[in-house]
Protein backbone atom coordinates (compact mmCIF):
# COMPACT_ATOMS: atom_id res chain seq x y z
CA MET A 1 189.77 88.94 76.00
CA ALA A 2 188.17 85.55 76.73
CA ILE A 3 184.75 85.38 78.36
CA SER A 4 184.96 84.14 81.94
CA HIS A 5 182.70 81.22 82.85
CA ALA A 6 182.36 79.38 86.15
CA GLN A 7 184.87 76.63 86.66
CA PRO A 8 184.11 73.20 88.19
CA GLY A 9 183.56 73.61 91.93
CA GLU A 10 183.14 77.39 91.71
CA VAL A 11 180.11 78.87 93.51
CA VAL A 12 177.87 81.10 91.36
CA ASP A 13 175.71 83.73 93.06
CA LEU A 14 172.11 83.66 91.76
CA SER A 15 170.72 86.07 94.33
CA PRO A 16 168.05 88.44 93.03
CA LEU A 17 169.56 91.45 91.29
CA ALA A 18 166.92 93.79 92.81
CA ASP A 19 167.78 97.41 91.93
CA ALA A 20 170.79 96.29 89.85
CA ILE A 21 168.50 94.48 87.40
CA ALA A 22 168.22 97.65 85.27
CA THR A 23 171.98 97.77 84.65
CA THR A 24 172.79 94.05 84.53
CA LYS A 25 173.20 92.30 81.19
CA THR A 26 172.46 88.72 80.25
CA SER A 27 175.52 86.53 80.80
CA THR A 28 176.60 82.97 80.18
CA LEU A 29 177.59 81.45 83.51
CA ILE A 30 178.67 77.98 82.36
CA SER A 31 179.53 76.73 78.89
CA THR A 32 180.65 73.18 78.18
CA ALA A 33 180.34 70.83 75.23
CA SER A 34 177.16 69.35 76.72
CA MET A 35 175.39 72.32 78.37
CA LYS A 36 175.06 76.05 78.62
CA VAL A 37 173.74 77.93 81.66
CA ILE A 38 172.74 81.54 81.04
CA ARG A 39 171.35 84.17 83.39
CA MET A 40 168.88 86.01 81.19
CA VAL A 41 167.93 89.55 82.23
CA LEU A 42 164.87 91.11 80.60
CA PRO A 43 163.29 94.48 81.33
CA ALA A 44 159.49 94.64 81.59
CA GLY A 45 157.89 94.47 78.13
CA LYS A 46 160.91 92.91 76.41
CA GLU A 47 159.98 89.93 74.23
CA ILE A 48 162.06 87.13 72.79
CA SER A 49 160.14 86.05 69.71
CA GLU A 50 159.38 82.43 68.90
CA HIS A 51 162.46 80.30 68.36
CA LYS A 52 163.73 76.76 68.98
CA ALA A 53 166.62 75.51 71.08
CA PRO A 54 168.80 72.69 69.74
CA GLY A 55 168.54 70.76 73.01
CA GLU A 56 166.26 70.31 75.99
CA ILE A 57 165.87 73.45 78.08
CA ILE A 58 165.04 74.30 81.66
CA VAL A 59 163.90 77.82 82.51
CA GLN A 60 163.92 78.82 86.19
CA CYS A 61 162.59 82.24 87.17
CA LEU A 62 164.91 83.95 89.68
CA GLU A 63 162.98 87.22 90.07
CA GLY A 64 160.17 89.14 88.45
CA ARG A 65 157.59 87.47 86.24
CA ILE A 66 157.82 86.16 82.68
CA THR A 67 155.21 84.69 80.39
CA PHE A 68 156.46 81.66 78.51
CA THR A 69 154.53 80.48 75.44
CA ALA A 70 155.00 76.88 74.27
CA LEU A 71 152.96 73.80 73.42
CA GLY A 72 149.98 75.96 72.51
CA LYS A 73 149.64 77.67 75.89
CA MET A 74 150.97 80.56 77.93
CA GLU A 75 152.46 79.96 81.37
CA ASP A 76 153.42 82.66 83.88
CA LEU A 77 156.64 81.88 85.73
CA GLU A 78 157.47 83.67 88.98
CA LYS A 79 160.40 83.45 91.38
CA GLY A 80 161.03 79.84 92.37
CA GLN A 81 159.19 78.24 89.42
CA LEU A 82 160.69 76.36 86.51
CA LEU A 83 159.61 74.96 83.17
CA PHE A 84 161.09 72.16 81.01
CA LEU A 85 160.85 71.78 77.23
CA THR A 86 162.09 69.09 74.90
CA ALA A 87 164.58 69.88 72.14
CA GLY A 88 163.29 71.80 69.15
CA GLU A 89 160.02 72.88 70.78
CA PRO A 90 159.03 76.35 69.50
CA HIS A 91 158.68 78.87 72.33
CA SER A 92 158.73 82.58 73.14
CA VAL A 93 159.02 84.65 76.30
CA ILE A 94 157.97 88.11 77.43
CA ALA A 95 158.93 89.87 80.63
CA VAL A 96 155.81 91.01 82.46
CA GLU A 97 158.06 92.68 85.07
CA ASP A 98 161.79 93.36 85.17
CA SER A 99 162.99 89.77 85.40
CA SER A 100 165.96 87.47 85.53
CA PHE A 101 165.85 83.76 84.89
CA LEU A 102 168.24 80.87 84.58
CA LEU A 103 168.25 79.18 81.19
CA THR A 104 169.88 75.76 81.00
CA ILE A 105 170.34 74.27 77.53
CA LEU A 106 171.41 70.64 77.25
CA VAL A 107 173.41 70.52 74.04
CA PRO A 108 172.80 67.42 71.95
CA SER A 109 175.80 65.21 71.33
CA THR A 110 177.34 65.41 67.88
CA HIS A 111 178.38 61.77 68.17
CA PRO A 112 175.79 59.06 67.47
CA ALA A 113 174.91 56.79 70.40
CA LYS A 114 176.51 53.36 70.34
């Protein structure tokens, strides 16, 4: 079975998950050749160890609180806050509380610029 992603013009609900956060899994909402949009769901204490994304990323906290480590510092992100990183920047994240956040990855083009 194919994974269902939002189609152009389709509305995606990003309301807080509230009590459903404990039973909701991370899911890719949009996937195209140039970007991916993922709703990440992390229970309190869960850590994503240091890694790099192939493209620029935007992380927007939807609920809860996460600590994002990059560029030699730790930043707490809460509901309504976002953070931007350039491609290839090492980073890690830990959920301080049960949290969900929107991760947008801008996928680099495989074709050289003209």
